[in-house]
Amino acid sequence: GELRPATSGLLWDALPATTGETLTEENLKWPASKP
């Protein structure tokens, strides 16, 4: 899933793919909390 926020591109690249898949709900909150 390429639903990772563009603002945290570098951060998400450092995280394992498995973590990114499990943080699907968090992905929706990240861009919402950041301007």
PDB file of N, CA and C in Angstrom:
ATOM      1  N   GLY A   1       0.800  -1.218   0.000  1.00  0.00           N
ATOM      2  CA  GLY A   1       0.000   0.000   0.000  1.00  0.00           C
ATOM      3  C   GLY A   1       0.832   1.267   0.000  1.00  0.00           C
ATOM      4  N   GLU A   2       0.661   2.081  -1.019  1.00  0.00           N
ATOM      5  CA  GLU A   2       1.426   3.336  -1.095  1.00  0.00           C
ATOM      6  C   GLU A   2       0.600   4.484  -0.532  1.00  0.00           C
ATOM      7  N   LEU A   3       0.132   4.316   0.704  1.00  0.00           N
ATOM      8  CA  LEU A   3      -0.722   5.341   1.312  1.00  0.00           C
ATOM      9  C   LEU A   3       0.065   6.197   2.288  1.00  0.00           C
ATOM     10  N   ARG A   4       1.384   6.085   2.245  1.00  0.00           N
ATOM     11  CA  ARG A   4       2.211   6.837   3.180  1.00  0.00           C
ATOM     12  C   ARG A   4       2.210   8.319   2.814  1.00  0.00           C
ATOM     13  N   PRO A   5       2.148   9.175   3.840  1.00  0.00           N
ATOM     14  CA  PRO A   5       2.108  10.623   3.629  1.00  0.00           C
ATOM     15  C   PRO A   5       3.391  11.132   2.990  1.00  0.00           C
ATOM     16  N   ALA A   6       3.264  12.056   2.066  1.00  0.00           N
ATOM     17  CA  ALA A   6       4.430  12.592   1.366  1.00  0.00           C
ATOM     18  C   ALA A   6       5.326  13.376   2.317  1.00  0.00           C
ATOM     19  N   THR A   7       4.728  13.918   3.379  1.00  0.00           N
ATOM     20  CA  THR A   7       5.481  14.728   4.337  1.00  0.00           C
ATOM     21  C   THR A   7       6.465  13.863   5.126  1.00  0.00           C
ATOM     22  N   SER A   8       6.143  12.573   5.250  1.00  0.00           N
ATOM     23  CA  SER A   8       7.007  11.674   6.016  1.00  0.00           C
ATOM     24  C   SER A   8       7.624  10.629   5.100  1.00  0.00           C
ATOM     25  N   GLY A   9       7.948  11.026   3.870  1.00  0.00           N
ATOM     26  CA  GLY A   9       8.517  10.101   2.893  1.00  0.00           C
ATOM     27  C   GLY A   9       9.786   9.450   3.428  1.00  0.00           C
ATOM     28  N   LEU A  10      10.715  10.273   3.923  1.00  0.00           N
ATOM     29  CA  LEU A  10      11.976   9.753   4.433  1.00  0.00           C
ATOM     30  C   LEU A  10      11.758   8.866   5.645  1.00  0.00           C
ATOM     31  N   LEU A  11      10.831   9.282   6.496  1.00  0.00           N
ATOM     32  CA  LEU A  11      10.572   8.522   7.714  1.00  0.00           C
ATOM     33  C   LEU A  11       9.986   7.161   7.381  1.00  0.00           C
ATOM     34  N   TRP A  12       9.038   7.144   6.434  1.00  0.00           N
ATOM     35  CA  TRP A  12       8.381   5.889   6.061  1.00  0.00           C
ATOM     36  C   TRP A  12       9.354   4.967   5.341  1.00  0.00           C
ATOM     37  N   ASP A  13      10.323   5.557   4.591  1.00  0.00           N
ATOM     38  CA  ASP A  13      11.314   4.744   3.894  1.00  0.00           C
ATOM     39  C   ASP A  13      12.189   3.996   4.892  1.00  0.00           C
ATOM     40  N   ALA A  14      12.383   4.594   6.064  1.00  0.00           N
ATOM     41  CA  ALA A  14      13.211   3.979   7.088  1.00  0.00           C
ATOM     42  C   ALA A  14      12.461   2.859   7.798  1.00  0.00           C
ATOM     43  N   LEU A  15      11.128   2.953   7.784  1.00  0.00           N
ATOM     44  CA  LEU A  15      10.318   1.933   8.443  1.00  0.00           C
ATOM     45  C   LEU A  15      10.146   0.721   7.543  1.00  0.00           C
ATOM     46  N   PRO A  16      10.033  -0.460   8.144  1.00  0.00           N
ATOM     47  CA  PRO A  16       9.804  -1.697   7.396  1.00  0.00           C
ATOM     48  C   PRO A  16       8.477  -1.650   6.650  1.00  0.00           C
ATOM     49  N   ALA A  17       8.385  -2.365   5.539  1.00  0.00           N
ATOM     50  CA  ALA A  17       7.157  -2.384   4.743  1.00  0.00           C
ATOM     51  C   ALA A  17       6.001  -2.947   5.566  1.00  0.00           C
ATOM     52  N   THR A  18       6.310  -3.876   6.466  1.00  0.00           N
ATOM     53  CA  THR A  18       5.273  -4.498   7.288  1.00  0.00           C
ATOM     54  C   THR A  18       4.638  -3.476   8.218  1.00  0.00           C
ATOM     55  N   THR A  19       5.456  -2.576   8.747  1.00  0.00           N
ATOM     56  CA  THR A  19       4.953  -1.549   9.654  1.00  0.00           C
ATOM     57  C   THR A  19       4.044  -0.584   8.903  1.00  0.00           C
ATOM     58  N   GLY A  20       4.429  -0.237   7.680  1.00  0.00           N
ATOM     59  CA  GLY A  20       3.633   0.679   6.873  1.00  0.00           C
ATOM     60  C   GLY A  20       2.273   0.090   6.555  1.00  0.00           C
ATOM     61  N   GLU A  21       2.241  -1.229   6.388  1.00  0.00           N
ATOM     62  CA  GLU A  21       0.979  -1.880   6.055  1.00  0.00           C
ATOM     63  C   GLU A  21       0.045  -1.910   7.256  1.00  0.00           C
ATOM     64  N   THR A  22       0.628  -2.016   8.449  1.00  0.00           N
ATOM     65  CA  THR A  22      -0.187  -2.122   9.659  1.00  0.00           C
ATOM     66  C   THR A  22      -0.669  -0.751  10.127  1.00  0.00           C
ATOM     67  N   LEU A  23       0.017   0.302   9.671  1.00  0.00           N
ATOM     68  CA  LEU A  23      -0.353   1.649  10.099  1.00  0.00           C
ATOM     69  C   LEU A  23      -1.244   2.323   9.063  1.00  0.00           C
ATOM     70  N   THR A  24      -2.210   1.568   8.539  1.00  0.00           N
ATOM     71  CA  THR A  24      -3.103   2.122   7.517  1.00  0.00           C
ATOM     72  C   THR A  24      -3.970   3.222   8.110  1.00  0.00           C
ATOM     73  N   GLU A  25      -4.490   2.991   9.311  1.00  0.00           N
ATOM     74  CA  GLU A  25      -5.343   3.986   9.966  1.00  0.00           C
ATOM     75  C   GLU A  25      -4.527   5.213  10.362  1.00  0.00           C
ATOM     76  N   GLU A  26      -3.290   4.980  10.786  1.00  0.00           N
ATOM     77  CA  GLU A  26      -2.423   6.088  11.175  1.00  0.00           C
ATOM     78  C   GLU A  26      -2.109   6.973   9.974  1.00  0.00           C
ATOM     79  N   ASN A  27      -2.035   6.357   8.791  1.00  0.00           N
ATOM     80  CA  ASN A  27      -1.743   7.109   7.575  1.00  0.00           C
ATOM     81  C   ASN A  27      -2.769   8.197   7.342  1.00  0.00           C
ATOM     82  N   LEU A  28      -4.012   7.902   7.694  1.00  0.00           N
ATOM     83  CA  LEU A  28      -5.083   8.876   7.494  1.00  0.00           C
ATOM     84  C   LEU A  28      -4.982  10.011   8.505  1.00  0.00           C
ATOM     85  N   LYS A  29      -4.377   9.735   9.641  1.00  0.00           N
ATOM     86  CA  LYS A  29      -4.270  10.744  10.699  1.00  0.00           C
ATOM     87  C   LYS A  29      -3.048  11.646  10.485  1.00  0.00           C
ATOM     88  N   TRP A  30      -1.994  11.099   9.901  1.00  0.00           N
ATOM     89  CA  TRP A  30      -0.755  11.852   9.708  1.00  0.00           C
ATOM     90  C   TRP A  30      -0.952  13.107   8.867  1.00  0.00           C
ATOM     91  N   PRO A  31      -1.492  12.965   7.645  1.00  0.00           N
ATOM     92  CA  PRO A  31      -1.685  14.149   6.793  1.00  0.00           C
ATOM     93  C   PRO A  31      -2.732  15.096   7.368  1.00  0.00           C
ATOM     94  N   ALA A  32      -3.640  14.564   8.160  1.00  0.00           N
ATOM     95  CA  ALA A  32      -4.700  15.388   8.743  1.00  0.00           C
ATOM     96  C   ALA A  32      -4.148  16.248   9.875  1.00  0.00           C
ATOM     97  N   SER A  33      -3.188  15.699  10.616  1.00  0.00           N
ATOM     98  CA  SER A  33      -2.626  16.429  11.747  1.00  0.00           C
ATOM     99  C   SER A  33      -1.562  17.420  11.285  1.00  0.00           C
ATOM    100  N   LYS A  34      -0.996  17.169  10.097  1.00  0.00           N
ATOM    101  CA  LYS A  34       0.042  18.063   9.572  1.00  0.00           C
ATOM    102  C   LYS A  34      -0.549  19.007   8.535  1.00  0.00           C
ATOM    103  N   PRO A  35      -0.221  20.292   8.607  1.00  0.00           N
ATOM    104  CA  PRO A  35      -0.743  21.304   7.679  1.00  0.00           C
ATOM    105  C   PRO A  35      -0.276  21.075   6.245  1.00  0.00           C
TER     106      PRO A  35
END
